[in-house]
Amino acid sequence: MTVEMTQCWVDTPENLQAACDALSSAEVLALDTEFFRESTFYPVPALIQLSAGSTVFLIDPQAVAATPAIRRLLAEGPVKLIHACSEDLEVLAMWAGSDISPLVDTQIAESLLGTEPGIGYRRLVAQRCGVDLPKEETRSNWLERPLTPAQREYAVLDVAYLPMIWAQQREALVSLGRLDWLDEECGALVQARRHPTEGQWFKRQRQLWRLEPRQIEAYRQLTDWREREIRARDLPRGWLAKDGLLFAIAEAMPKNRFELAAVEGVTPKLVKREGDTLLALVKQAHQCDAEALPVAQPVPTSPPFKRRLKALKGVVQTNAEALGLAPERLSSRAEMEAIVTAELHGQPLPLPGGWRGACLAEAWRQALATEAET
């Protein structure tokens, strides 16, 4: 079912106020963004699409600053519909400096109804609305002005079907008693934007088990430094130093420039530009008190670890099949590995709460207790 939409270009404060006035009384507001991020850490907002009916407002964030009216619309006002919202939330924070609430992520909504946890917007439109959307403008330069007619049409279609999709999803979620699940998931996304977790990047390294505690501390110091610097310099993470390179430095624990230069992947340019800083961070790890060091990570190929992880996966698979969901919707491998690690170290288990906790927590406890007895 195709929909007919009109466009309204917004590049002045007056036009932005008119858009806010037109949208403020809506029940739901379809929202999307286009941005540029090839050479920066922070996304550069290039276009913001807002719609609550037959008109799509195409806001040029390069030409018009966010106003109190648009901030209120985004942070309060109607329910905002966004598909796969993580990057859009970041773009809107850059432009408007406000939360997006209340929020519905239609990708998450669809994942609570079936077995496609990461379904794309184009595929979702095809399934829910029977429309095959064009994809030619996906890699467009959205900072160019004026936008081409094809770009503008593509931008319009990115929000045109969201209200129709959400109406179907909401009915299905209510029927299954899962609307609260969606509220919980989307609310968690808003909270994560308000309260980002700091100092945890090093835990994403899947080879952390290969390092001794002092090396882990060095890797933590190195990744924390990189996260601070890429924000300060507005650079892509890999442009400063990739994960593998920082891991190799932590593994080698160099004490001087000669040893640093000998680490595979370290270039003379990096030694000259960042060598003193990198060596100072490694030195801090060398000097860290033993009781303050991170604990060694269990070997994921060891029988105790593998048995426990398999038991947790079995619980997830059983529950996912019973609910008609993809296992990834219930839990990630990283979450289960963190629980196994905590259990093997005798630490409190980082079990989920909410609807996922109700499905998994007690069954996971029992599964781990059974494995501990074997």
Protein backbone atom coordinates (compact mmCIF):
# COMPACT_ATOMS: atom_id res chain seq x y z
CA MET A 1 0.00 0.00 0.00
CA THR A 2 1.70 3.17 -1.21
CA VAL A 3 1.23 6.52 0.51
CA GLU A 4 1.25 9.98 -1.02
CA MET A 5 3.36 12.51 0.84
CA THR A 6 4.15 16.17 0.32
CA GLN A 7 7.47 17.78 1.24
CA CYS A 8 8.20 20.95 3.17
CA TRP A 9 11.78 22.20 3.24
CA VAL A 10 12.74 23.84 6.56
CA ASP A 11 15.81 26.08 6.69
CA THR A 12 14.71 29.14 8.70
CA PRO A 13 13.62 29.63 12.33
CA GLU A 14 10.19 30.73 11.09
CA ASN A 15 9.70 27.57 9.03
CA LEU A 16 10.92 25.44 11.95
CA GLN A 17 8.38 27.06 14.26
CA ALA A 18 5.64 26.40 11.71
CA ALA A 19 6.69 22.74 11.54
CA CYS A 20 6.60 22.46 15.33
CA ASP A 21 3.14 24.03 15.43
CA ALA A 22 1.88 21.59 12.80
CA LEU A 23 3.32 18.54 14.57
CA SER A 24 2.75 19.32 18.24
CA SER A 25 -0.79 17.94 18.44
CA ALA A 26 -0.01 14.64 16.72
CA GLU A 27 -0.20 11.32 18.58
CA VAL A 28 2.82 9.84 16.81
CA LEU A 29 5.70 11.47 15.00
CA ALA A 30 7.80 9.62 12.41
CA LEU A 31 11.45 10.61 12.63
CA ASP A 32 14.68 9.89 10.77
CA THR A 33 18.04 11.54 10.14
CA GLU A 34 20.79 11.63 7.54
CA PHE A 35 24.35 12.44 8.52
CA PHE A 36 28.03 12.33 7.56
CA ARG A 37 30.63 10.47 9.64
CA GLU A 38 33.49 9.24 7.48
CA SER A 39 36.22 11.41 9.00
CA THR A 40 34.86 12.36 12.44
CA PHE A 41 33.94 10.71 15.73
CA TYR A 42 30.79 12.77 16.09
CA PRO A 43 28.17 12.53 13.34
CA VAL A 44 27.62 15.69 11.31
CA PRO A 45 23.82 16.22 11.07
CA ALA A 46 22.80 16.67 7.44
CA LEU A 47 19.01 16.24 7.37
CA ILE A 48 16.18 15.60 9.81
CA GLN A 49 12.88 14.20 8.60
CA LEU A 50 9.71 14.68 10.67
CA SER A 51 6.20 13.66 9.77
CA ALA A 52 2.86 13.13 11.45
CA GLY A 53 0.62 12.66 8.45
CA SER A 54 0.72 13.50 4.77
CA THR A 55 3.48 16.12 5.04
CA VAL A 56 7.15 15.41 5.68
CA PHE A 57 9.18 18.31 7.05
CA LEU A 58 12.76 18.13 5.78
CA ILE A 59 14.83 20.14 8.25
CA ASP A 60 18.26 21.39 7.21
CA PRO A 61 20.33 21.30 10.44
CA GLN A 62 23.22 23.00 8.62
CA ALA A 63 21.05 26.06 8.06
CA VAL A 64 18.81 26.28 11.13
CA ALA A 65 19.65 25.76 14.80
CA ALA A 66 17.41 23.82 17.15
CA THR A 67 14.91 26.00 19.01
CA PRO A 68 13.14 25.52 22.35
CA ALA A 69 10.01 24.50 20.43
CA ILE A 70 11.72 21.65 18.56
CA ARG A 71 13.49 20.52 21.75
CA ARG A 72 10.15 20.27 23.53
CA LEU A 73 8.68 18.37 20.60
CA LEU A 74 11.55 15.87 20.68
CA ALA A 75 11.89 15.49 24.45
CA GLU A 76 8.17 15.49 25.28
CA GLY A 77 5.23 15.72 22.90
CA PRO A 78 4.09 12.85 20.65
CA VAL A 79 5.53 9.34 20.57
CA LYS A 80 8.53 9.38 18.25
CA LEU A 81 8.82 6.49 15.79
CA ILE A 82 12.37 5.71 14.64
CA HIS A 83 13.69 2.58 12.97
CA ALA A 84 17.04 1.33 14.37
CA CYS A 85 17.42 4.47 16.42
CA SER A 86 20.92 4.35 17.96
CA GLU A 87 22.67 6.58 15.41
CA ASP A 88 19.63 8.83 15.01
CA LEU A 89 19.63 9.51 18.76
CA GLU A 90 23.26 10.54 18.52
CA VAL A 91 22.62 12.82 15.53
CA LEU A 92 19.66 14.48 17.22
CA ALA A 93 21.67 14.97 20.41
CA MET A 94 24.34 16.73 18.34
CA TRP A 95 21.81 19.07 16.74
CA ALA A 96 19.17 19.61 19.43
CA GLY A 97 20.98 18.58 22.60
CA SER A 98 17.85 16.87 23.90
CA ASP A 99 16.53 13.42 24.67
CA ILE A 100 14.06 11.74 22.34
CA SER A 101 11.08 10.71 24.43
CA PRO A 102 8.69 8.98 24.41
CA LEU A 103 10.39 6.68 21.92
CA VAL A 104 9.39 3.65 19.87
CA ASP A 105 12.05 1.86 17.85
CA THR A 106 10.19 -0.06 15.16
CA GLN A 107 13.12 -2.44 14.67
CA ILE A 108 12.92 -3.46 18.33
CA ALA A 109 9.13 -3.66 18.10
CA GLU A 110 9.41 -6.07 15.19
CA SER A 111 12.02 -8.14 17.02
CA LEU A 112 9.53 -8.71 19.84
CA LEU A 113 7.08 -10.16 17.34
CA GLY A 114 9.25 -12.63 15.46
CA THR A 115 12.63 -14.02 14.63
CA GLU A 116 14.32 -11.13 12.77
CA PRO A 117 16.00 -9.06 15.50
CA GLY A 118 17.86 -6.75 13.11
CA ILE A 119 15.37 -6.28 10.28
CA GLY A 120 16.08 -3.29 8.06
CA TYR A 121 13.56 -0.57 7.26
CA ARG A 122 13.35 -1.45 3.57
CA ARG A 123 12.60 -5.11 4.29
CA LEU A 124 10.11 -4.18 7.01
CA VAL A 125 8.23 -1.89 4.63
CA ALA A 126 8.10 -4.69 2.06
CA GLN A 127 6.74 -7.15 4.63
CA ARG A 128 4.29 -4.87 6.40
CA CYS A 129 3.18 -2.58 3.57
CA GLY A 130 3.94 -4.53 0.39
CA VAL A 131 6.08 -1.71 -1.02
CA ASP A 132 9.58 -2.07 -2.50
CA LEU A 133 11.48 1.10 -1.61
CA PRO A 134 14.32 2.46 -3.79
CA LYS A 135 17.83 2.19 -2.37
CA GLU A 136 19.91 4.18 -4.86
CA GLU A 137 20.43 7.17 -2.54
CA THR A 138 21.62 5.19 0.50
CA ARG A 139 25.22 6.39 0.05
CA SER A 140 24.38 9.92 -1.05
CA ASN A 141 26.30 12.97 0.14
CA TRP A 142 23.57 14.44 2.30
CA LEU A 143 25.59 17.57 3.04
CA GLU A 144 25.38 18.77 -0.56
CA ARG A 145 22.93 21.58 -1.30
CA PRO A 146 20.56 21.65 -2.92
CA LEU A 147 19.51 18.05 -2.47
CA THR A 148 18.45 16.34 -5.66
CA PRO A 149 14.78 15.43 -6.19
CA ALA A 150 15.79 11.76 -5.81
CA GLN A 151 17.45 12.45 -2.47
CA ARG A 152 14.44 14.32 -1.17
CA GLU A 153 12.07 11.57 -2.27
CA TYR A 154 14.28 8.96 -0.61
CA ALA A 155 14.31 11.01 2.60
CA VAL A 156 10.53 11.30 2.54
CA LEU A 157 10.08 7.56 2.12
CA ASP A 158 12.32 6.90 5.12
CA VAL A 159 9.52 8.11 7.41
CA ALA A 160 6.42 7.74 5.24
CA TYR A 161 5.56 4.18 6.30
CA LEU A 162 6.52 4.28 9.96
CA PRO A 163 3.02 5.20 11.27
CA MET A 164 1.41 2.42 9.24
CA ILE A 165 4.00 -0.10 10.44
CA TRP A 166 3.64 1.00 14.06
CA ALA A 167 -0.15 0.65 13.95
CA GLN A 168 0.25 -3.00 12.94
CA GLN A 169 3.03 -3.64 15.44
CA ARG A 170 1.19 -2.04 18.32
CA GLU A 171 -1.92 -4.14 17.72
CA ALA A 172 0.19 -7.31 17.64
CA LEU A 173 2.16 -6.37 20.75
CA VAL A 174 -1.01 -5.64 22.70
CA SER A 175 -2.46 -8.97 21.58
CA LEU A 176 0.64 -10.80 22.85
CA GLY A 177 0.91 -8.76 26.05
CA ARG A 178 4.32 -7.42 25.04
CA LEU A 179 3.74 -3.69 24.77
CA ASP A 180 5.36 -3.23 28.19
CA TRP A 181 8.39 -5.11 26.90
CA LEU A 182 8.80 -2.55 24.15
CA ASP A 183 8.35 0.36 26.57
CA GLU A 184 11.08 -1.15 28.74
CA GLU A 185 13.51 -1.67 25.86
CA CYS A 186 13.02 1.81 24.41
CA GLY A 187 13.14 3.42 27.83
CA ALA A 188 16.50 1.72 28.41
CA LEU A 189 17.82 3.29 25.20
CA VAL A 190 16.82 6.76 26.41
CA GLN A 191 18.43 6.12 29.81
CA ALA A 192 21.62 4.88 28.16
CA ARG A 193 21.86 8.17 26.28
CA ARG A 194 21.35 10.13 29.50
CA HIS A 195 23.81 8.06 31.53
CA PRO A 196 26.51 6.59 29.27
CA THR A 197 28.77 3.95 30.78
CA GLU A 198 32.34 5.18 31.05
CA GLY A 199 35.54 3.19 31.24
CA GLN A 200 34.11 -0.07 29.94
CA TRP A 201 35.44 -0.17 26.38
CA PHE A 202 38.22 -2.62 27.29
CA LYS A 203 35.64 -5.25 28.23
CA ARG A 204 34.55 -5.49 24.59
CA GLN A 205 37.85 -7.16 23.73
CA ARG A 206 37.09 -10.84 23.20
CA GLN A 207 40.74 -11.86 23.64
CA LEU A 208 41.03 -10.33 27.10
CA TRP A 209 41.50 -13.79 28.60
CA ARG A 210 44.95 -13.95 26.96
CA LEU A 211 46.25 -11.14 29.18
CA GLU A 212 47.53 -11.19 32.74
CA PRO A 213 45.86 -8.77 35.20
CA ARG A 214 48.59 -6.14 34.79
CA GLN A 215 48.29 -6.33 31.03
CA ILE A 216 44.51 -6.01 31.32
CA GLU A 217 45.03 -2.85 33.36
CA ALA A 218 47.33 -1.50 30.66
CA TYR A 219 44.73 -2.25 28.00
CA ARG A 220 42.07 -0.55 30.12
CA GLN A 221 44.28 2.53 30.50
CA LEU A 222 45.04 2.60 26.77
CA THR A 223 41.41 2.27 25.67
CA ASP A 224 40.26 4.89 28.19
CA TRP A 225 42.88 7.29 26.81
CA ARG A 226 41.75 6.64 23.26
CA GLU A 227 38.09 7.24 24.13
CA ARG A 228 38.94 10.59 25.69
CA GLU A 229 41.16 11.62 22.80
CA ILE A 230 38.86 10.71 19.91
CA ARG A 231 36.17 12.86 21.45
CA ALA A 232 38.54 15.74 22.06
CA ARG A 233 40.01 15.50 18.54
CA ASP A 234 36.75 14.43 16.83
CA LEU A 235 38.41 11.51 15.04
CA PRO A 236 37.14 8.04 14.15
CA ARG A 237 38.29 5.51 16.71
CA GLY A 238 40.48 3.56 14.30
CA TRP A 239 42.20 6.70 13.03
CA LEU A 240 43.88 7.18 16.40
CA ALA A 241 44.55 3.54 17.30
CA LYS A 242 42.68 0.33 16.54
CA ASP A 243 41.73 -2.18 19.21
CA GLY A 244 44.24 -4.73 17.95
CA LEU A 245 47.10 -2.27 18.18
CA LEU A 246 46.29 -1.23 21.75
CA PHE A 247 45.92 -4.89 22.67
CA ALA A 248 49.37 -5.65 21.23
CA ILE A 249 50.91 -2.78 23.23
CA ALA A 250 49.27 -4.03 26.42
CA GLU A 251 50.50 -7.54 25.70
CA ALA A 252 54.08 -6.33 25.18
CA MET A 253 54.08 -3.86 28.12
CA PRO A 254 56.93 -1.79 26.58
CA LYS A 255 59.14 0.24 28.91
CA ASN A 256 60.79 2.52 26.35
CA ARG A 257 60.44 3.80 22.79
CA PHE A 258 62.63 1.04 21.39
CA GLU A 259 60.34 -1.65 22.84
CA LEU A 260 57.25 0.28 21.77
CA ALA A 261 58.51 0.56 18.20
CA ALA A 262 59.08 -3.19 18.15
CA VAL A 263 55.36 -3.91 18.72
CA GLU A 264 53.74 -5.15 15.52
CA GLY A 265 51.63 -2.41 13.95
CA VAL A 266 53.28 0.49 15.77
CA THR A 267 54.54 2.99 13.19
CA PRO A 268 57.33 5.56 13.58
CA LYS A 269 54.68 8.25 13.20
CA LEU A 270 52.71 6.85 16.15
CA VAL A 271 55.87 6.61 18.29
CA LYS A 272 56.75 10.22 17.50
CA ARG A 273 53.24 11.59 18.03
CA GLU A 274 51.90 9.46 20.91
CA GLY A 275 54.86 7.44 22.18
CA ASP A 276 55.42 9.28 25.45
CA THR A 277 51.73 9.12 26.33
CA LEU A 278 51.42 5.42 25.52
CA LEU A 279 54.52 4.57 27.56
CA ALA A 280 53.24 6.64 30.49
CA LEU A 281 49.97 4.70 30.47
CA VAL A 282 51.77 1.36 30.40
CA LYS A 283 54.00 2.58 33.23
CA GLN A 284 50.92 3.35 35.32
CA ALA A 285 49.81 -0.24 34.84
CA HIS A 286 53.29 -1.47 35.83
CA GLN A 287 53.06 0.56 39.05
CA CYS A 288 49.44 -0.25 39.90
CA ASP A 289 48.98 -1.96 43.29
CA ALA A 290 48.29 -5.67 42.86
CA GLU A 291 45.01 -5.52 44.81
CA ALA A 292 43.71 -2.81 42.45
CA LEU A 293 44.32 -4.81 39.27
CA PRO A 294 41.47 -6.34 37.27
CA VAL A 295 40.98 -10.07 37.78
CA ALA A 296 42.28 -12.49 35.16
CA GLN A 297 39.62 -13.64 32.74
CA PRO A 298 38.72 -17.34 32.51
CA VAL A 299 39.78 -19.19 29.38
CA PRO A 300 36.63 -19.49 27.22
CA THR A 301 37.83 -22.81 25.77
CA SER A 302 38.21 -24.42 29.20
CA PRO A 303 35.68 -27.17 30.06
CA PRO A 304 34.15 -25.33 33.07
CA PHE A 305 33.54 -22.20 31.00
CA LYS A 306 32.21 -24.07 27.98
CA ARG A 307 29.81 -26.18 30.04
CA ARG A 308 28.34 -23.17 31.80
CA LEU A 309 28.02 -21.13 28.62
CA LYS A 310 26.31 -24.04 26.90
CA ALA A 311 23.87 -24.34 29.80
CA LEU A 312 22.98 -20.62 29.57
CA LYS A 313 22.56 -20.86 25.81
CA GLY A 314 20.23 -23.81 26.28
CA VAL A 315 17.99 -21.76 28.56
CA VAL A 316 17.92 -18.93 26.02
CA GLN A 317 17.15 -21.28 23.13
CA THR A 318 14.31 -22.97 25.00
CA ASN A 319 12.71 -19.69 26.02
CA ALA A 320 13.20 -18.13 22.59
CA GLU A 321 11.45 -21.04 20.91
CA ALA A 322 8.58 -20.87 23.39
CA LEU A 323 8.15 -17.14 22.77
CA GLY A 324 8.69 -17.28 19.00
CA LEU A 325 11.68 -14.93 19.22
CA ALA A 326 15.23 -14.98 17.96
CA PRO A 327 17.65 -16.07 20.72
CA GLU A 328 19.57 -12.80 20.17
CA ARG A 329 16.49 -10.88 21.27
CA LEU A 330 16.68 -12.53 24.67
CA SER A 331 20.42 -12.39 25.29
CA SER A 332 23.78 -11.78 23.63
CA ARG A 333 26.83 -14.00 23.87
CA ALA A 334 28.69 -11.17 25.61
CA GLU A 335 26.04 -11.01 28.34
CA MET A 336 26.19 -14.75 28.93
CA GLU A 337 29.99 -14.77 28.99
CA ALA A 338 29.94 -12.00 31.59
CA ILE A 339 27.60 -14.07 33.76
CA VAL A 340 29.79 -17.18 33.43
CA THR A 341 32.90 -15.14 34.28
CA ALA A 342 31.24 -13.72 37.39
CA GLU A 343 30.08 -17.15 38.50
CA LEU A 344 33.54 -18.67 38.10
CA HIS A 345 35.04 -15.80 40.11
CA GLY A 346 32.43 -16.10 42.85
CA GLN A 347 31.11 -12.61 42.10
CA PRO A 348 27.48 -11.42 42.03
CA LEU A 349 25.86 -12.46 38.78
CA PRO A 350 25.01 -9.55 36.42
CA LEU A 351 21.58 -10.99 35.65
CA PRO A 352 19.08 -8.95 33.61
CA GLY A 353 15.99 -7.44 35.11
CA GLY A 354 12.65 -6.59 33.58
CA TRP A 355 10.92 -8.88 31.14
CA ARG A 356 14.16 -10.59 30.11
CA GLY A 357 15.00 -11.26 33.73
CA ALA A 358 11.59 -12.78 34.27
CA CYS A 359 12.25 -15.14 31.36
CA LEU A 360 15.86 -16.02 32.11
CA ALA A 361 17.24 -15.12 35.54
CA GLU A 362 15.96 -17.98 37.69
CA ALA A 363 16.49 -20.58 34.97
CA TRP A 364 20.05 -19.34 34.52
CA ARG A 365 20.69 -19.58 38.28
CA GLN A 366 19.47 -23.16 38.30
CA ALA A 367 21.51 -24.07 35.22
CA LEU A 368 24.69 -22.67 36.76
CA ALA A 369 24.01 -24.41 40.08
CA THR A 370 23.61 -27.72 38.26
CA GLU A 371 26.89 -27.22 36.38
CA ALA A 372 28.71 -26.27 39.59
CA GLU A 373 27.72 -29.63 41.09
CA THR A 374 29.17 -31.65 38.20
